[in-house]
Amino acid sequence: MSRQERVDQGSREPLKSRAEYPYHWDADDFVSRRELLRLAVLTSGALFAATVAIAVRGAFGNSSSGSRTLIANASDVPAGSVKYFDYPKKGDQAMLINVPGLGFVAYSQKCTHLSCAVRYERDKDRLYCPCHNGVYSVTTGDPTAGPPQRRLPQILLERDGDRIFARKEQA
């Protein structure tokens, strides 16, 4: 006699399929197709709204304003040299470069690929990220080699006599 026949004859032994899937037909109406579809649509709508909110924040909030912060005196940073400083907050690494023939430029030191520290290499006239051999232009901050796809965030400078101030960081 098969198991199915034993259960059909009133045996108390449950079917193996019932033990693996413990839901009974009488409990099947707890979640209807309509309720499941409504849940799926609401979840999709919430994810879409969150994506739109993140995109809008990224589009309109891409420049971070910091306070006017004194970086250095221009006479302390000769042509072809660099000064590292914190901007816009303490711990946010940035660099001020006196590019020969161009003047002062400032960038965030955070690589746009994986946030490693970027450094100025005067002898090669480049900004270099040693983590994955990322290379940026000193004059524009645009990537010229390696995996970075976006330019380094530039820091707008303000000069008051001999003093150089960081004014605003922009992507």
Protein backbone atom coordinates (compact mmCIF):
# COMPACT_ATOMS: atom_id res chain seq x y z
CA MET A 1 0.00 0.00 0.00
CA SER A 2 1.41 3.45 -0.92
CA ARG A 3 1.74 6.42 1.42
CA GLN A 4 -0.99 8.28 -0.40
CA GLU A 5 -3.37 5.38 0.09
CA ARG A 6 -2.50 5.24 3.82
CA VAL A 7 -3.20 8.96 4.27
CA ASP A 8 -6.41 8.66 2.30
CA GLN A 9 -7.53 5.79 4.53
CA GLY A 10 -7.25 7.97 7.61
CA SER A 11 -3.69 7.30 8.66
CA ARG A 12 -2.20 10.06 10.84
CA GLU A 13 1.19 10.00 9.04
CA PRO A 14 1.64 13.28 7.06
CA LEU A 15 2.74 13.32 3.47
CA LYS A 16 6.39 14.19 2.88
CA SER A 17 5.31 17.07 0.65
CA ARG A 18 3.21 18.50 3.51
CA ALA A 19 6.22 18.46 5.85
CA GLU A 20 8.37 20.36 3.33
CA TYR A 21 5.63 22.88 2.48
CA PRO A 22 3.68 23.39 5.70
CA TYR A 23 0.95 25.69 4.36
CA HIS A 24 -2.55 24.36 4.12
CA TRP A 25 -5.14 25.17 1.46
CA ASP A 26 -7.40 26.84 3.99
CA ALA A 27 -4.60 29.35 4.81
CA ASP A 28 -3.98 30.13 1.14
CA ASP A 29 -6.37 33.07 1.11
CA PHE A 30 -4.26 35.15 3.55
CA VAL A 31 -2.43 36.84 0.64
CA SER A 32 -4.40 37.22 -2.53
CA ARG A 33 -2.88 37.91 -5.92
CA ARG A 34 -4.30 41.41 -5.80
CA GLU A 35 -2.61 42.11 -2.44
CA LEU A 36 0.70 40.68 -3.68
CA LEU A 37 0.50 42.84 -6.81
CA ARG A 38 -0.33 45.91 -4.70
CA LEU A 39 2.70 45.23 -2.48
CA ALA A 40 4.95 44.82 -5.52
CA VAL A 41 3.71 48.09 -7.08
CA LEU A 42 4.11 50.03 -3.82
CA THR A 43 7.61 48.66 -3.30
CA SER A 44 8.60 49.51 -6.87
CA GLY A 45 7.16 53.01 -6.46
CA ALA A 46 9.10 53.56 -3.23
CA LEU A 47 12.35 52.43 -4.85
CA PHE A 48 11.69 54.70 -7.84
CA ALA A 49 10.99 57.69 -5.56
CA ALA A 50 14.18 57.04 -3.59
CA THR A 51 16.19 56.86 -6.82
CA VAL A 52 14.71 60.15 -8.04
CA ALA A 53 15.46 61.81 -4.69
CA ILE A 54 19.09 60.65 -4.81
CA ALA A 55 19.45 61.86 -8.41
CA VAL A 56 17.98 65.28 -7.59
CA ARG A 57 20.22 65.64 -4.56
CA GLY A 58 23.23 64.71 -6.67
CA ALA A 59 22.32 67.14 -9.43
CA PHE A 60 21.62 70.14 -7.24
CA GLY A 61 23.78 69.41 -4.24
CA ASN A 62 27.05 68.60 -6.01
CA SER A 63 28.95 71.58 -4.69
CA SER A 64 29.71 71.80 -1.04
CA SER A 65 30.28 75.18 0.45
CA GLY A 66 32.78 75.50 3.16
CA SER A 67 33.69 78.52 5.11
CA ARG A 68 36.39 80.86 3.92
CA THR A 69 39.52 79.11 5.17
CA LEU A 70 43.05 80.45 5.10
CA ILE A 71 45.32 77.98 3.31
CA ALA A 72 48.68 79.73 3.10
CA ASN A 73 50.55 82.84 2.16
CA ALA A 74 51.41 82.91 -1.54
CA SER A 75 55.06 83.57 -0.69
CA ASP A 76 55.18 80.30 1.29
CA VAL A 77 54.28 78.19 -1.78
CA PRO A 78 56.85 78.79 -4.55
CA ALA A 79 56.17 77.84 -8.19
CA GLY A 80 56.15 74.07 -8.69
CA SER A 81 55.43 73.24 -5.05
CA VAL A 82 52.40 71.97 -3.16
CA LYS A 83 50.82 72.57 0.22
CA TYR A 84 48.48 70.00 1.72
CA PHE A 85 45.63 71.19 3.94
CA ASP A 86 42.24 70.16 5.34
CA TYR A 87 39.14 71.46 3.57
CA PRO A 88 36.13 71.84 3.91
CA LYS A 89 36.29 70.04 7.27
CA LYS A 90 39.14 68.79 9.38
CA GLY A 91 40.18 65.43 7.97
CA ASP A 92 39.09 66.21 4.40
CA GLN A 93 42.41 66.26 2.57
CA ALA A 94 43.09 68.84 -0.11
CA MET A 95 46.12 70.28 -1.92
CA LEU A 96 47.14 73.73 -3.11
CA ILE A 97 49.52 73.65 -6.10
CA ASN A 98 51.44 76.58 -7.53
CA VAL A 99 51.59 75.52 -11.18
CA PRO A 100 54.46 77.26 -13.01
CA GLY A 101 53.06 79.68 -15.58
CA LEU A 102 49.46 79.16 -14.41
CA GLY A 103 49.35 80.12 -10.75
CA PHE A 104 47.49 78.53 -7.89
CA VAL A 105 45.00 75.67 -8.20
CA ALA A 106 43.49 73.54 -5.46
CA TYR A 107 41.89 70.09 -5.55
CA SER A 108 40.48 67.55 -3.17
CA GLN A 109 43.01 64.81 -2.53
CA LYS A 110 40.35 62.10 -2.68
CA CYS A 111 40.64 60.01 -5.87
CA THR A 112 37.32 59.76 -7.70
CA HIS A 113 37.90 56.05 -8.34
CA LEU A 114 38.19 54.58 -4.83
CA SER A 115 38.94 57.58 -2.59
CA CYS A 116 42.65 56.93 -2.19
CA ALA A 117 44.92 59.91 -1.52
CA VAL A 118 46.14 61.69 -4.65
CA ARG A 119 49.56 63.34 -4.58
CA TYR A 120 51.36 65.90 -6.73
CA GLU A 121 54.39 64.65 -8.68
CA ARG A 122 56.29 67.73 -9.77
CA ASP A 123 58.89 65.90 -11.89
CA LYS A 124 56.16 64.26 -14.01
CA ASP A 125 53.78 67.26 -13.89
CA ARG A 126 50.79 65.18 -12.80
CA LEU A 127 48.52 64.30 -9.94
CA TYR A 128 48.94 60.61 -9.15
CA CYS A 129 46.87 58.07 -7.24
CA PRO A 130 49.11 55.13 -6.28
CA CYS A 131 46.25 52.73 -5.46
CA HIS A 132 45.40 51.88 -9.08
CA ASN A 133 47.77 54.11 -11.08
CA GLY A 134 45.24 56.87 -11.60
CA VAL A 135 46.64 60.02 -13.22
CA TYR A 136 45.05 63.48 -13.31
CA SER A 137 45.98 66.70 -15.09
CA VAL A 138 47.50 69.31 -12.79
CA THR A 139 45.88 72.20 -14.64
CA THR A 140 42.31 70.88 -14.93
CA GLY A 141 41.99 67.90 -12.56
CA ASP A 142 40.68 65.74 -15.43
CA PRO A 143 41.70 62.07 -15.47
CA THR A 144 44.37 61.30 -18.08
CA ALA A 145 45.19 57.65 -17.32
CA GLY A 146 44.08 54.76 -15.17
CA PRO A 147 40.63 53.80 -13.92
CA PRO A 148 39.30 57.19 -12.69
CA GLN A 149 36.44 58.43 -14.89
CA ARG A 150 35.59 61.72 -13.15
CA ARG A 151 37.70 64.79 -12.50
CA LEU A 152 38.99 65.71 -9.07
CA PRO A 153 36.75 68.15 -7.20
CA GLN A 154 38.30 71.59 -7.55
CA ILE A 155 38.43 74.06 -4.71
CA LEU A 156 37.72 77.64 -5.66
CA LEU A 157 40.33 80.02 -4.31
CA GLU A 158 40.19 83.61 -3.20
CA ARG A 159 43.27 85.78 -2.87
CA ASP A 160 43.53 88.71 -0.50
CA GLY A 161 46.94 90.29 -0.89
CA ASP A 162 49.49 87.58 -0.12
CA ARG A 163 46.98 85.31 1.59
CA ILE A 164 45.18 82.49 -0.24
CA PHE A 165 41.79 81.29 0.99
CA ALA A 166 39.75 78.20 0.09
CA ARG A 167 36.23 79.36 -0.69
CA LYS A 168 34.17 76.52 -2.12
CA GLU A 169 34.57 72.95 -3.36
CA GLN A 170 32.87 72.02 -6.60
CA ALA A 171 32.69 68.73 -8.46
